Amino acid sequence: METVKCIIEDLNNDHFSILIDESRDVSCKEQMAIILQYVDRRGNVIERFIGIVHVRETTALSLKNGIVGLLAQHSLSPSFIRGQCYDGASNMQGDINRLKILMQKESKVVHSIHYFAHQLQLILVAVSKRCDEVQELLLVVSDILNMVGSSFKRRDELRESQAEEIEEALRKGELETGRGLNQELGLARAGDTLWGSHYKSFNNFILMFGPIIDVLDAIAINARFDEKCKAKGYFKACLTFEVVFMLHFMRTILAITNELNVAFQKKEQDIANVMILVRVAKDQLQRLREDGWASLIDEVSKFCIKYDILIPNFDEPYVILGRSRHRVAEYNNLHHYHVVAFCKTIDWQFQELNNRFDEVTTELLLGVACLNPVNSFSSFDIEKILRLAKLYPDDFDKYSIVDLRFQLENYIVDVRDHDKRFSALKGLGDLSKKLVETKKHGTYPLVFRLVKFALLLLVATATVERAFSAMKLIKSDLRNRMDDELLSGCLVPYIEKNLRILKGVLEVGYLFGTSPAISFAGMYAGEVR
């Protein structure tokens, strides 16, 4: 409680944003971690873990009650929230939109944008799992890569088979020679973790398909009985049209959003270009849906012919796996692959991008980009910044908007043309600190308020991941009877150990009648004055 008290004191009744994620502890309880992000008195962006809440179910109302309840324990009002972020790839993904709406009823200016530290690709893959075939593909690919890459011997066999395939292709003239071409590929395993790449995993699986099935065939002949049976099953699965089709289809979809996903992972966010990439991804998904079916089927068919895989007659009824052949689906193979798998999956991807980057989110991000001081405030645009301010009606009424316009006009001339201390800033975080350092946050209070709100939107660190790692460490199998209050009480000081250490230094100083010149803000900035 002392650690949280220090955090609340440093927050100083100011606005904050919340970052929420959910995971299970070793006793299989759903735990929701809550992180606060705020701007301190020195203009530093601070992200602090304040606790976990056990939720019996991941419905929107249950999650909202858990969030509001924990905030109330620390006398924090939801009306001070200015940003909300949720993990779209977790168990709570289905209710995130309803949760956002419920939180906005508490405060209508609780805006939400994509959590930059989470891979967009993970979220899009999670959405695609609504299609059974995608879920099955992920399991099959993961299991095969685990089996093939489980020993040095199998990796060597894979390399040898890959080298033989490249040599054969070069001999037939199917590959060109040249520096940097035809390099050995590795197994790229992508799990449901923050930093794995499903695109790379699917792409390499397709490129190494021949060597992979060669190794599976060898395992099916030479391995122990249990592995032999598994390898036979995986070998048969690989040589089905459905797996080959889904491999190529998912690679195509994830290739469309790959550049956007990479852009979100960069340390320095170029928001203007990110928004362009969002529009590009939407356009490409629409083109794929309307015009991409024929070329995809052509590519898959050539691949099947190369590896002697049976191509189904698209006019025949689709047979659902596990059912009797006399109980076929009410639609044919063409409808299954084109409508059920192809079109629906693209629609889910498109819908997810629209939900995450709707009109309000676009205005928010473009406004934030215009506040960025990089390259001598080259992106500065008063009209877009004013549109950003209007999205916070509780903080900027019509009179404040007029005042803000005049402040912005004076502010940009000041910091861009006259005050050279603002000439080499690298982002909004630097701008916030420099405004406080030069005391211009008092000269342009409305501008500084908007800069703070922009920083509260851009949640881009991984404190929540540290929280769940710590939870697994503290609540081990030996301590799985630890109740939720004790678990949360242990996690906060463990994760925020630097804050606890500094508080101890201060208390020792006061005990011996000294007054050490240390501030919490200095610690956050990495300073001891």
Foldseek 3Di string as FASTA:
>chain_A
DVLVVVVVVQQVLAAWAWEWEWDAAPVRFIKIWIWIWFQGLLLFIDIATQFIDTFPDLALVRVLCRVCVSCVVVPHALQRYQEYEYDCLHPNVVHPVVNQVVSCVSPVNHDYFYQLQAQPLLNLLSLLVVQVLSVVLLVLLQVLLCVQVVDPVSVVLLQVQLVVVVVVCVVVVVDDDDPPPSDDDDQQRADSDRDGDPLSNLVVCLVSVRSSLVSLVVCLPPPDPVSVVVSVVSSVVSLELSSLLSSLLVNVLCVLCVVLSVQSNDPQHQLVVNVVSLVSSLVVLVCCLVPVPVVSVVVSVVSSVVVVRDDDDQQAFAADPPDDPVDTDPHGNCCCVNPVNRNVSSVSSNVVSCVNCPPLNVLQSLLQNQLWCPQLSPSNDLVSVLSNVVSNCVLAPPVNSVVLSVLVVVVSCPLRPPDCVSRHDRTLSSVSSVCSVVVVCVVNVVSSVSSRSSSSRNNHDDLVVVLVVVLNVVCDPVNVVDDRVVSRVVSNCVSVVVSVVVVVVQVVQVVVPHGQQADPVQVSVVHRD
